[in-house]
Amino acid sequence: QDVYYIGTVGVDQKHPFYAKAVEAHKAMVVGKKVLIQTDVVATNSAGQKLAYVFLDQVDVRSLVNGRIIGDGLGKLGNFEGNGRYRMYLENLGFIASQGKVGLWAGK
């Protein structure tokens, strides 16, 4: 099932970090048990399912959306009207960019 991570957007394919980001993301979730949690808006205007994705348990420490942003595998994206973990994800995005993690390393 395709799910679009609430609050994240992937790295542009032209970015030098793109291949590493895709590889790290696959290593994080492929073949693993994930739990999907929707928020207020479960589907965007394009009909795509929006969700928070967790590894093993619904706990902010296992929030894949957060790991993508915090590890610099993606940037903050559109929350589509959802706000359950918005402040947490925004803080992770700031910390990752200031710490020059992942896609921010070359900047």
PDB file of N, CA and C in Angstrom:
ATOM      1  N   GLN A   1       0.851  -1.183   0.000  1.00  0.00           N
ATOM      2  CA  GLN A   1       0.000   0.000   0.000  1.00  0.00           C
ATOM      3  C   GLN A   1       0.888   1.235   0.000  1.00  0.00           C
ATOM      4  N   ASP A   2       0.628   2.139  -0.921  1.00  0.00           N
ATOM      5  CA  ASP A   2       1.374   3.391  -0.965  1.00  0.00           C
ATOM      6  C   ASP A   2       0.819   4.347   0.071  1.00  0.00           C
ATOM      7  N   VAL A   3       1.721   4.943   0.827  1.00  0.00           N
ATOM      8  CA  VAL A   3       1.358   5.911   1.855  1.00  0.00           C
ATOM      9  C   VAL A   3       2.292   7.097   1.711  1.00  0.00           C
ATOM     10  N   TYR A   4       1.743   8.271   1.800  1.00  0.00           N
ATOM     11  CA  TYR A   4       2.542   9.483   1.761  1.00  0.00           C
ATOM     12  C   TYR A   4       2.724   9.982   3.184  1.00  0.00           C
ATOM     13  N   TYR A   5       3.982  10.134   3.568  1.00  0.00           N
ATOM     14  CA  TYR A   5       4.317  10.541   4.922  1.00  0.00           C
ATOM     15  C   TYR A   5       3.851  11.969   5.186  1.00  0.00           C
ATOM     16  N   ILE A   6       3.036  12.139   6.199  1.00  0.00           N
ATOM     17  CA  ILE A   6       2.568  13.477   6.574  1.00  0.00           C
ATOM     18  C   ILE A   6       3.770  14.315   7.012  1.00  0.00           C
ATOM     19  N   GLY A   7       3.853  15.519   6.458  1.00  0.00           N
ATOM     20  CA  GLY A   7       4.875  16.475   6.874  1.00  0.00           C
ATOM     21  C   GLY A   7       6.237  16.298   6.261  1.00  0.00           C
ATOM     22  N   THR A   8       6.376  15.382   5.306  1.00  0.00           N
ATOM     23  CA  THR A   8       7.688  15.189   4.687  1.00  0.00           C
ATOM     24  C   THR A   8       7.592  15.281   3.173  1.00  0.00           C
ATOM     25  N   VAL A   9       8.710  15.583   2.583  1.00  0.00           N
ATOM     26  CA  VAL A   9       8.848  15.552   1.129  1.00  0.00           C
ATOM     27  C   VAL A   9      10.236  14.998   0.847  1.00  0.00           C
ATOM     28  N   GLY A  10      10.335  14.158  -0.157  1.00  0.00           N
ATOM     29  CA  GLY A  10      11.606  13.511  -0.472  1.00  0.00           C
ATOM     30  C   GLY A  10      12.637  14.464  -1.047  1.00  0.00           C
ATOM     31  N   VAL A  11      13.815  13.941  -1.190  1.00  0.00           N
ATOM     32  CA  VAL A  11      14.925  14.679  -1.781  1.00  0.00           C
ATOM     33  C   VAL A  11      14.728  14.699  -3.294  1.00  0.00           C
ATOM     34  N   ASP A  12      14.983  15.832  -3.902  1.00  0.00           N
ATOM     35  CA  ASP A  12      14.891  15.959  -5.351  1.00  0.00           C
ATOM     36  C   ASP A  12      15.852  14.969  -6.010  1.00  0.00           C
ATOM     37  N   GLN A  13      15.422  14.324  -7.087  1.00  0.00           N
ATOM     38  CA  GLN A  13      16.246  13.326  -7.769  1.00  0.00           C
ATOM     39  C   GLN A  13      17.572  13.892  -8.272  1.00  0.00           C
ATOM     40  N   LYS A  14      17.645  15.178  -8.475  1.00  0.00           N
ATOM     41  CA  LYS A  14      18.888  15.799  -8.966  1.00  0.00           C
ATOM     42  C   LYS A  14      19.866  16.114  -7.835  1.00  0.00           C
ATOM     43  N   HIS A  15      19.414  16.019  -6.595  1.00  0.00           N
ATOM     44  CA  HIS A  15      20.271  16.311  -5.445  1.00  0.00           C
ATOM     45  C   HIS A  15      21.330  15.220  -5.312  1.00  0.00           C
ATOM     46  N   PRO A  16      22.590  15.580  -5.026  1.00  0.00           N
ATOM     47  CA  PRO A  16      23.653  14.578  -4.904  1.00  0.00           C
ATOM     48  C   PRO A  16      23.397  13.521  -3.814  1.00  0.00           C
ATOM     49  N   PHE A  17      22.563  13.817  -2.841  1.00  0.00           N
ATOM     50  CA  PHE A  17      22.288  12.905  -1.735  1.00  0.00           C
ATOM     51  C   PHE A  17      21.122  11.964  -2.033  1.00  0.00           C
ATOM     52  N   TYR A  18      20.477  12.127  -3.168  1.00  0.00           N
ATOM     53  CA  TYR A  18      19.257  11.372  -3.483  1.00  0.00           C
ATOM     54  C   TYR A  18      19.426   9.858  -3.337  1.00  0.00           C
ATOM     55  N   ALA A  19      20.420   9.283  -3.974  1.00  0.00           N
ATOM     56  CA  ALA A  19      20.605   7.816  -3.953  1.00  0.00           C
ATOM     57  C   ALA A  19      20.827   7.311  -2.527  1.00  0.00           C
ATOM     58  N   LYS A  20      21.608   8.030  -1.748  1.00  0.00           N
ATOM     59  CA  LYS A  20      21.853   7.625  -0.356  1.00  0.00           C
ATOM     60  C   LYS A  20      20.580   7.719   0.470  1.00  0.00           C
ATOM     61  N   ALA A  21      19.775   8.740   0.217  1.00  0.00           N
ATOM     62  CA  ALA A  21      18.520   8.906   0.951  1.00  0.00           C
ATOM     63  C   ALA A  21      17.562   7.764   0.650  1.00  0.00           C
ATOM     64  N   VAL A  22      17.448   7.391  -0.612  1.00  0.00           N
ATOM     65  CA  VAL A  22      16.562   6.290  -1.001  1.00  0.00           C
ATOM     66  C   VAL A  22      17.046   4.988  -0.369  1.00  0.00           C
ATOM     67  N   GLU A  23      18.337   4.737  -0.423  1.00  0.00           N
ATOM     68  CA  GLU A  23      18.909   3.522   0.158  1.00  0.00           C
ATOM     69  C   GLU A  23      18.667   3.465   1.675  1.00  0.00           C
ATOM     70  N   ALA A  24      18.887   4.566   2.361  1.00  0.00           N
ATOM     71  CA  ALA A  24      18.678   4.610   3.811  1.00  0.00           C
ATOM     72  C   ALA A  24      17.209   4.423   4.165  1.00  0.00           C
ATOM     73  N   HIS A  25      16.323   5.014   3.381  1.00  0.00           N
ATOM     74  CA  HIS A  25      14.893   4.867   3.635  1.00  0.00           C
ATOM     75  C   HIS A  25      14.463   3.410   3.452  1.00  0.00           C
ATOM     76  N   LYS A  26      14.910   2.776   2.382  1.00  0.00           N
ATOM     77  CA  LYS A  26      14.567   1.367   2.139  1.00  0.00           C
ATOM     78  C   LYS A  26      15.078   0.487   3.272  1.00  0.00           C
ATOM     79  N   ALA A  27      16.301   0.730   3.721  1.00  0.00           N
ATOM     80  CA  ALA A  27      16.869  -0.058   4.818  1.00  0.00           C
ATOM     81  C   ALA A  27      16.057   0.111   6.098  1.00  0.00           C
ATOM     82  N   MET A  28      15.459   1.266   6.260  1.00  0.00           N
ATOM     83  CA  MET A  28      14.684   1.555   7.460  1.00  0.00           C
ATOM     84  C   MET A  28      13.346   0.818   7.471  1.00  0.00           C
ATOM     85  N   VAL A  29      12.675   0.684   6.319  1.00  0.00           N
ATOM     86  CA  VAL A  29      11.300   0.181   6.336  1.00  0.00           C
ATOM     87  C   VAL A  29      11.021  -1.102   5.545  1.00  0.00           C
ATOM     88  N   VAL A  30      11.785  -1.376   4.510  1.00  0.00           N
ATOM     89  CA  VAL A  30      11.475  -2.538   3.669  1.00  0.00           C
ATOM     90  C   VAL A  30      11.651  -3.829   4.467  1.00  0.00           C
ATOM     91  N   GLY A  31      10.603  -4.643   4.447  1.00  0.00           N
ATOM     92  CA  GLY A  31      10.619  -5.911   5.145  1.00  0.00           C
ATOM     93  C   GLY A  31      10.350  -5.820   6.633  1.00  0.00           C
ATOM     94  N   LYS A  32      10.064  -4.615   7.114  1.00  0.00           N
ATOM     95  CA  LYS A  32       9.808  -4.413   8.543  1.00  0.00           C
ATOM     96  C   LYS A  32       8.309  -4.246   8.786  1.00  0.00           C
ATOM     97  N   LYS A  33       7.901  -4.563   9.985  1.00  0.00           N
ATOM     98  CA  LYS A  33       6.511  -4.338  10.380  1.00  0.00           C
ATOM     99  C   LYS A  33       6.339  -2.850  10.659  1.00  0.00           C
ATOM    100  N   VAL A  34       5.371  -2.243   9.998  1.00  0.00           N
ATOM    101  CA  VAL A  34       5.075  -0.834  10.237  1.00  0.00           C
ATOM    102  C   VAL A  34       3.612  -0.680  10.621  1.00  0.00           C
ATOM    103  N   LEU A  35       3.347   0.328  11.395  1.00  0.00           N
ATOM    104  CA  LEU A  35       1.984   0.670  11.778  1.00  0.00           C
ATOM    105  C   LEU A  35       1.659   2.014  11.165  1.00  0.00           C
ATOM    106  N   ILE A  36       0.467   2.129  10.622  1.00  0.00           N
ATOM    107  CA  ILE A  36       0.048   3.351   9.937  1.00  0.00           C
ATOM    108  C   ILE A  36      -1.031   4.036  10.770  1.00  0.00           C
ATOM    109  N   GLN A  37      -0.849   5.340  10.961  1.00  0.00           N
ATOM    110  CA  GLN A  37      -1.815   6.120  11.738  1.00  0.00           C
ATOM    111  C   GLN A  37      -2.193   7.363  10.925  1.00  0.00           C
ATOM    112  N   THR A  38      -3.473   7.540  10.713  1.00  0.00           N
ATOM    113  CA  THR A  38      -3.927   8.733  10.004  1.00  0.00           C
ATOM    114  C   THR A  38      -4.163   9.854  11.002  1.00  0.00           C
ATOM    115  N   ASP A  39      -4.425  11.024  10.481  1.00  0.00           N
ATOM    116  CA  ASP A  39      -4.716  12.196  11.306  1.00  0.00           C
ATOM    117  C   ASP A  39      -6.062  12.735  10.820  1.00  0.00           C
ATOM    118  N   VAL A  40      -6.294  13.997  11.001  1.00  0.00           N
ATOM    119  CA  VAL A  40      -7.569  14.608  10.638  1.00  0.00           C
ATOM    120  C   VAL A  40      -7.867  14.421   9.157  1.00  0.00           C
ATOM    121  N   VAL A  41      -6.875  14.692   8.311  1.00  0.00           N
ATOM    122  CA  VAL A  41      -7.032  14.543   6.860  1.00  0.00           C
ATOM    123  C   VAL A  41      -6.300  13.267   6.456  1.00  0.00           C
ATOM    124  N   ALA A  42      -7.042  12.252   6.051  1.00  0.00           N
ATOM    125  CA  ALA A  42      -6.448  10.946   5.733  1.00  0.00           C
ATOM    126  C   ALA A  42      -6.098  10.793   4.253  1.00  0.00           C
ATOM    127  N   THR A  43      -6.688  11.629   3.397  1.00  0.00           N
ATOM    128  CA  THR A  43      -6.450  11.556   1.959  1.00  0.00           C
ATOM    129  C   THR A  43      -6.317  12.976   1.419  1.00  0.00           C
ATOM    130  N   ASN A  44      -5.314  13.200   0.572  1.00  0.00           N
ATOM    131  CA  ASN A  44      -5.153  14.544   0.014  1.00  0.00           C
ATOM    132  C   ASN A  44      -6.020  14.718  -1.232  1.00  0.00           C
ATOM    133  N   SER A  45      -5.974  15.895  -1.835  1.00  0.00           N
ATOM    134  CA  SER A  45      -6.830  16.195  -2.984  1.00  0.00           C
ATOM    135  C   SER A  45      -6.510  15.323  -4.202  1.00  0.00           C
ATOM    136  N   ALA A  46      -5.307  14.740  -4.234  1.00  0.00           N
ATOM    137  CA  ALA A  46      -4.926  13.852  -5.337  1.00  0.00           C
ATOM    138  C   ALA A  46      -5.347  12.402  -5.066  1.00  0.00           C
ATOM    139  N   GLY A  47      -6.002  12.166  -3.914  1.00  0.00           N
ATOM    140  CA  GLY A  47      -6.459  10.826  -3.574  1.00  0.00           C
ATOM    141  C   GLY A  47      -5.406   9.948  -2.925  1.00  0.00           C
ATOM    142  N   GLN A  48      -4.282  10.521  -2.532  1.00  0.00           N
ATOM    143  CA  GLN A  48      -3.199   9.759  -1.909  1.00  0.00           C
ATOM    144  C   GLN A  48      -3.434   9.627  -0.412  1.00  0.00           C
ATOM    145  N   LYS A  49      -3.155   8.433   0.133  1.00  0.00           N
ATOM    146  CA  LYS A  49      -3.328   8.193   1.563  1.00  0.00           C
ATOM    147  C   LYS A  49      -2.203   8.887   2.320  1.00  0.00           C
ATOM    148  N   LEU A  50      -2.561   9.686   3.325  1.00  0.00           N
ATOM    149  CA  LEU A  50      -1.611  10.402   4.158  1.00  0.00           C
ATOM    150  C   LEU A  50      -1.541   9.723   5.520  1.00  0.00           C
ATOM    151  N   ALA A  51      -0.337   9.569   6.039  1.00  0.00           N
ATOM    152  CA  ALA A  51      -0.232   8.872   7.320  1.00  0.00           C
ATOM    153  C   ALA A  51       1.076   9.165   8.030  1.00  0.00           C
ATOM    154  N   TYR A  52       1.049   8.869   9.319  1.00  0.00           N
ATOM    155  CA  TYR A  52       2.259   8.776  10.121  1.00  0.00           C
ATOM    156  C   TYR A  52       2.587   7.288  10.114  1.00  0.00           C
ATOM    157  N   VAL A  53       3.843   6.956   9.955  1.00  0.00           N
ATOM    158  CA  VAL A  53       4.258   5.560   9.882  1.00  0.00           C
ATOM    159  C   VAL A  53       5.218   5.284  11.039  1.00  0.00           C
ATOM    160  N   PHE A  54       4.954   4.205  11.744  1.00  0.00           N
ATOM    161  CA  PHE A  54       5.760   3.832  12.904  1.00  0.00           C
ATOM    162  C   PHE A  54       6.379   2.456  12.682  1.00  0.00           C
ATOM    163  N   LEU A  55       7.568   2.258  13.215  1.00  0.00           N
ATOM    164  CA  LEU A  55       8.206   0.945  13.227  1.00  0.00           C
ATOM    165  C   LEU A  55       7.809   0.245  14.517  1.00  0.00           C
ATOM    166  N   ASP A  56       7.192  -0.890  14.418  1.00  0.00           N
ATOM    167  CA  ASP A  56       6.836  -1.768  15.540  1.00  0.00           C
ATOM    168  C   ASP A  56       5.758  -1.266  16.485  1.00  0.00           C
ATOM    169  N   GLN A  57       5.807  -0.024  16.920  1.00  0.00           N
ATOM    170  CA  GLN A  57       4.837   0.474  17.896  1.00  0.00           C
ATOM    171  C   GLN A  57       4.551   1.955  17.672  1.00  0.00           C
ATOM    172  N   VAL A  58       3.366   2.379  18.089  1.00  0.00           N
ATOM    173  CA  VAL A  58       2.999   3.792  17.955  1.00  0.00           C
ATOM    174  C   VAL A  58       3.647   4.542  19.112  1.00  0.00           C
ATOM    175  N   ASP A  59       4.817   5.076  18.817  1.00  0.00           N
ATOM    176  CA  ASP A  59       5.622   5.818  19.777  1.00  0.00           C
ATOM    177  C   ASP A  59       6.439   6.821  18.966  1.00  0.00           C
ATOM    178  N   VAL A  60       6.491   8.044  19.404  1.00  0.00           N
ATOM    179  CA  VAL A  60       7.158   9.090  18.629  1.00  0.00           C
ATOM    180  C   VAL A  60       8.616   8.726  18.334  1.00  0.00           C
ATOM    181  N   ARG A  61       9.238   7.928  19.181  1.00  0.00           N
ATOM    182  CA  ARG A  61      10.631   7.534  18.949  1.00  0.00           C
ATOM    183  C   ARG A  61      10.776   6.576  17.774  1.00  0.00           C
ATOM    184  N   SER A  62       9.677   5.951  17.351  1.00  0.00           N
ATOM    185  CA  SER A  62       9.739   5.045  16.203  1.00  0.00           C
ATOM    186  C   SER A  62       8.989   5.612  14.994  1.00  0.00           C
ATOM    187  N   LEU A  63       8.745   6.909  15.007  1.00  0.00           N
ATOM    188  CA  LEU A  63       8.027   7.576  13.920  1.00  0.00           C
ATOM    189  C   LEU A  63       8.942   7.725  12.697  1.00  0.00           C
ATOM    190  N   VAL A  64       8.626   7.014  11.635  1.00  0.00           N
ATOM    191  CA  VAL A  64       9.445   7.038  10.421  1.00  0.00           C
ATOM    192  C   VAL A  64       9.463   8.437   9.813  1.00  0.00           C
ATOM    193  N   ASN A  65       8.338   9.123   9.828  1.00  0.00           N
ATOM    194  CA  ASN A  65       8.295  10.495   9.310  1.00  0.00           C
ATOM    195  C   ASN A  65       9.389  11.331   9.989  1.00  0.00           C
ATOM    196  N   GLY A  66       9.526  11.172  11.300  1.00  0.00           N
ATOM    197  CA  GLY A  66      10.527  11.907  12.074  1.00  0.00           C
ATOM    198  C   GLY A  66      11.939  11.484  11.747  1.00  0.00           C
ATOM    199  N   ARG A  67      12.138  10.196  11.552  1.00  0.00           N
ATOM    200  CA  ARG A  67      13.484   9.718  11.217  1.00  0.00           C
ATOM    201  C   ARG A  67      13.912  10.209   9.842  1.00  0.00           C
ATOM    202  N   ILE A  68      12.960  10.284   8.918  1.00  0.00           N
ATOM    203  CA  ILE A  68      13.287  10.791   7.580  1.00  0.00           C
ATOM    204  C   ILE A  68      13.759  12.241   7.677  1.00  0.00           C
ATOM    205  N   ILE A  69      13.044  13.039   8.419  1.00  0.00           N
ATOM    206  CA  ILE A  69      13.415  14.450   8.559  1.00  0.00           C
ATOM    207  C   ILE A  69      14.667  14.600   9.419  1.00  0.00           C
ATOM    208  N   GLY A  70      14.702  13.932  10.556  1.00  0.00           N
ATOM    209  CA  GLY A  70      15.825  14.058  11.482  1.00  0.00           C
ATOM    210  C   GLY A  70      17.137  13.531  10.936  1.00  0.00           C
ATOM    211  N   ASP A  71      17.068  12.513  10.068  1.00  0.00           N
ATOM    212  CA  ASP A  71      18.277  11.958   9.466  1.00  0.00           C
ATOM    213  C   ASP A  71      18.644  12.668   8.166  1.00  0.00           C
ATOM    214  N   GLY A  72      17.865  13.678   7.794  1.00  0.00           N
ATOM    215  CA  GLY A  72      18.148  14.425   6.575  1.00  0.00           C
ATOM    216  C   GLY A  72      17.870  13.645   5.310  1.00  0.00           C
ATOM    217  N   LEU A  73      16.941  12.680   5.368  1.00  0.00           N
ATOM    218  CA  LEU A  73      16.580  11.893   4.189  1.00  0.00           C
ATOM    219  C   LEU A  73      15.473  12.568   3.395  1.00  0.00           C
ATOM    220  N   GLY A  74      14.926  13.633   3.931  1.00  0.00           N
ATOM    221  CA  GLY A  74      13.870  14.402   3.294  1.00  0.00           C
ATOM    222  C   GLY A  74      13.697  15.713   4.035  1.00  0.00           C
ATOM    223  N   LYS A  75      12.908  16.579   3.452  1.00  0.00           N
ATOM    224  CA  LYS A  75      12.644  17.891   4.042  1.00  0.00           C
ATOM    225  C   LYS A  75      11.239  17.927   4.614  1.00  0.00           C
ATOM    226  N   LEU A  76      10.979  18.970   5.364  1.00  0.00           N
ATOM    227  CA  LEU A  76       9.609  19.205   5.817  1.00  0.00           C
ATOM    228  C   LEU A  76       8.740  19.435   4.598  1.00  0.00           C
ATOM    229  N   GLY A  77       7.553  18.880   4.634  1.00  0.00           N
ATOM    230  CA  GLY A  77       6.637  19.035   3.521  1.00  0.00           C
ATOM    231  C   GLY A  77       5.294  19.541   3.989  1.00  0.00           C
ATOM    232  N   ASN A  78       4.309  19.354   3.166  1.00  0.00           N
ATOM    233  CA  ASN A  78       2.960  19.814   3.454  1.00  0.00           C
ATOM    234  C   ASN A  78       2.302  18.896   4.471  1.00  0.00           C
ATOM    235  N   PHE A  79       1.707  19.483   5.465  1.00  0.00           N
ATOM    236  CA  PHE A  79       1.006  18.704   6.483  1.00  0.00           C
ATOM    237  C   PHE A  79      -0.447  18.453   6.093  1.00  0.00           C
ATOM    238  N   GLU A  80      -0.901  19.070   5.012  1.00  0.00           N
ATOM    239  CA  GLU A  80      -2.240  18.837   4.464  1.00  0.00           C
ATOM    240  C   GLU A  80      -3.353  19.010   5.503  1.00  0.00           C
ATOM    241  N   GLY A  81      -3.163  19.907   6.473  1.00  0.00           N
ATOM    242  CA  GLY A  81      -4.181  20.129   7.491  1.00  0.00           C
ATOM    243  C   GLY A  81      -4.016  19.258   8.727  1.00  0.00           C
ATOM    244  N   ASN A  82      -3.000  18.417   8.747  1.00  0.00           N
ATOM    245  CA  ASN A  82      -2.740  17.545   9.892  1.00  0.00           C
ATOM    246  C   ASN A  82      -1.721  18.194  10.826  1.00  0.00           C
ATOM    247  N   GLY A  83      -1.902  17.995  12.121  1.00  0.00           N
ATOM    248  CA  GLY A  83      -1.004  18.677  13.043  1.00  0.00           C
ATOM    249  C   GLY A  83      -0.557  17.879  14.250  1.00  0.00           C
ATOM    250  N   ARG A  84      -0.918  16.617  14.335  1.00  0.00           N
ATOM    251  CA  ARG A  84      -0.620  15.837  15.544  1.00  0.00           C
ATOM    252  C   ARG A  84       0.862  15.887  15.924  1.00  0.00           C
ATOM    253  N   TYR A  85       1.765  15.716  14.980  1.00  0.00           N
ATOM    254  CA  TYR A  85       3.205  15.712  15.270  1.00  0.00           C
ATOM    255  C   TYR A  85       3.934  16.871  14.582  1.00  0.00           C
ATOM    256  N   ARG A  86       3.186  17.870  14.194  1.00  0.00           N
ATOM    257  CA  ARG A  86       3.776  18.965  13.419  1.00  0.00           C
ATOM    258  C   ARG A  86       4.938  19.659  14.124  1.00  0.00           C
ATOM    259  N   MET A  87       4.765  20.060  15.364  1.00  0.00           N
ATOM    260  CA  MET A  87       5.825  20.778  16.078  1.00  0.00           C
ATOM    261  C   MET A  87       7.065  19.888  16.225  1.00  0.00           C
ATOM    262  N   TYR A  88       6.852  18.628  16.522  1.00  0.00           N
ATOM    263  CA  TYR A  88       7.956  17.678  16.662  1.00  0.00           C
ATOM    264  C   TYR A  88       8.740  17.575  15.349  1.00  0.00           C
ATOM    265  N   LEU A  89       8.033  17.420  14.232  1.00  0.00           N
ATOM    266  CA  LEU A  89       8.688  17.296  12.934  1.00  0.00           C
ATOM    267  C   LEU A  89       9.379  18.591  12.524  1.00  0.00           C
ATOM    268  N   GLU A  90       8.761  19.715  12.812  1.00  0.00           N
ATOM    269  CA  GLU A  90       9.402  20.998  12.497  1.00  0.00           C
ATOM    270  C   GLU A  90      10.686  21.172  13.297  1.00  0.00           C
ATOM    271  N   ASN A  91      10.664  20.787  14.549  1.00  0.00           N
ATOM    272  CA  ASN A  91      11.881  20.880  15.368  1.00  0.00           C
ATOM    273  C   ASN A  91      12.976  19.961  14.830  1.00  0.00           C
ATOM    274  N   LEU A  92      12.627  18.747  14.445  1.00  0.00           N
ATOM    275  CA  LEU A  92      13.612  17.832  13.868  1.00  0.00           C
ATOM    276  C   LEU A  92      14.206  18.397  12.583  1.00  0.00           C
ATOM    277  N   GLY A  93      13.365  19.021  11.774  1.00  0.00           N
ATOM    278  CA  GLY A  93      13.846  19.629  10.534  1.00  0.00           C
ATOM    279  C   GLY A  93      14.842  20.742  10.796  1.00  0.00           C
ATOM    280  N   PHE A  94      14.567  21.554  11.790  1.00  0.00           N
ATOM    281  CA  PHE A  94      15.477  22.648  12.145  1.00  0.00           C
ATOM    282  C   PHE A  94      16.802  22.084  12.642  1.00  0.00           C
ATOM    283  N   ILE A  95      16.734  21.102  13.523  1.00  0.00           N
ATOM    284  CA  ILE A  95      17.950  20.500  14.082  1.00  0.00           C
ATOM    285  C   ILE A  95      18.784  19.844  12.979  1.00  0.00           C
ATOM    286  N   ALA A  96      18.145  19.129  12.066  1.00  0.00           N
ATOM    287  CA  ALA A  96      18.867  18.467  10.974  1.00  0.00           C
ATOM    288  C   ALA A  96      19.542  19.484  10.058  1.00  0.00           C
ATOM    289  N   SER A  97      18.838  20.549   9.718  1.00  0.00           N
ATOM    290  CA  SER A  97      19.431  21.546   8.815  1.00  0.00           C
ATOM    291  C   SER A  97      20.565  22.300   9.497  1.00  0.00           C
ATOM    292  N   GLN A  98      20.387  22.642  10.755  1.00  0.00           N
ATOM    293  CA  GLN A  98      21.445  23.352  11.482  1.00  0.00           C
ATOM    294  C   GLN A  98      22.652  22.449  11.748  1.00  0.00           C
ATOM    295  N   GLY A  99      22.397  21.155  11.962  1.00  0.00           N
ATOM    296  CA  GLY A  99      23.471  20.200  12.212  1.00  0.00           C
ATOM    297  C   GLY A  99      24.092  19.649  10.941  1.00  0.00           C
ATOM    298  N   LYS A 100      23.560  20.095   9.802  1.00  0.00           N
ATOM    299  CA  LYS A 100      24.052  19.673   8.487  1.00  0.00           C
ATOM    300  C   LYS A 100      24.062  18.150   8.349  1.00  0.00           C
ATOM    301  N   VAL A 101      22.902  17.558   8.620  1.00  0.00           N
ATOM    302  CA  VAL A 101      22.723  16.115   8.562  1.00  0.00           C
ATOM    303  C   VAL A 101      22.128  15.729   7.207  1.00  0.00           C
ATOM    304  N   GLY A 102      22.585  14.603   6.649  1.00  0.00           N
ATOM    305  CA  GLY A 102      22.014  14.076   5.422  1.00  0.00           C
ATOM    306  C   GLY A 102      22.083  15.035   4.250  1.00  0.00           C
ATOM    307  N   LEU A 103      20.931  15.362   3.693  1.00  0.00           N
ATOM    308  CA  LEU A 103      20.896  16.227   2.514  1.00  0.00           C
ATOM    309  C   LEU A 103      21.443  17.627   2.789  1.00  0.00           C
ATOM    310  N   TRP A 104      21.503  18.008   4.061  1.00  0.00           N
ATOM    311  CA  TRP A 104      22.015  19.323   4.436  1.00  0.00           C
ATOM    312  C   TRP A 104      23.535  19.328   4.565  1.00  0.00           C
ATOM    313  N   ALA A 105      24.183  18.166   4.517  1.00  0.00           N
ATOM    314  CA  ALA A 105      25.630  18.070   4.767  1.00  0.00           C
ATOM    315  C   ALA A 105      26.469  18.914   3.808  1.00  0.00           C
ATOM    316  N   GLY A 106      26.048  19.031   2.579  1.00  0.00           N
ATOM    317  CA  GLY A 106      26.823  19.774   1.597  1.00  0.00           C
ATOM    318  C   GLY A 106      26.554  21.264   1.578  1.00  0.00           C
ATOM    319  N   LYS A 107      25.682  21.730   2.476  1.00  0.00           N
ATOM    320  CA  LYS A 107      25.309  23.149   2.429  1.00  0.00           C
ATOM    321  C   LYS A 107      25.952  23.924   3.540  1.00  0.00           C
TER     322      LYS A 107
END
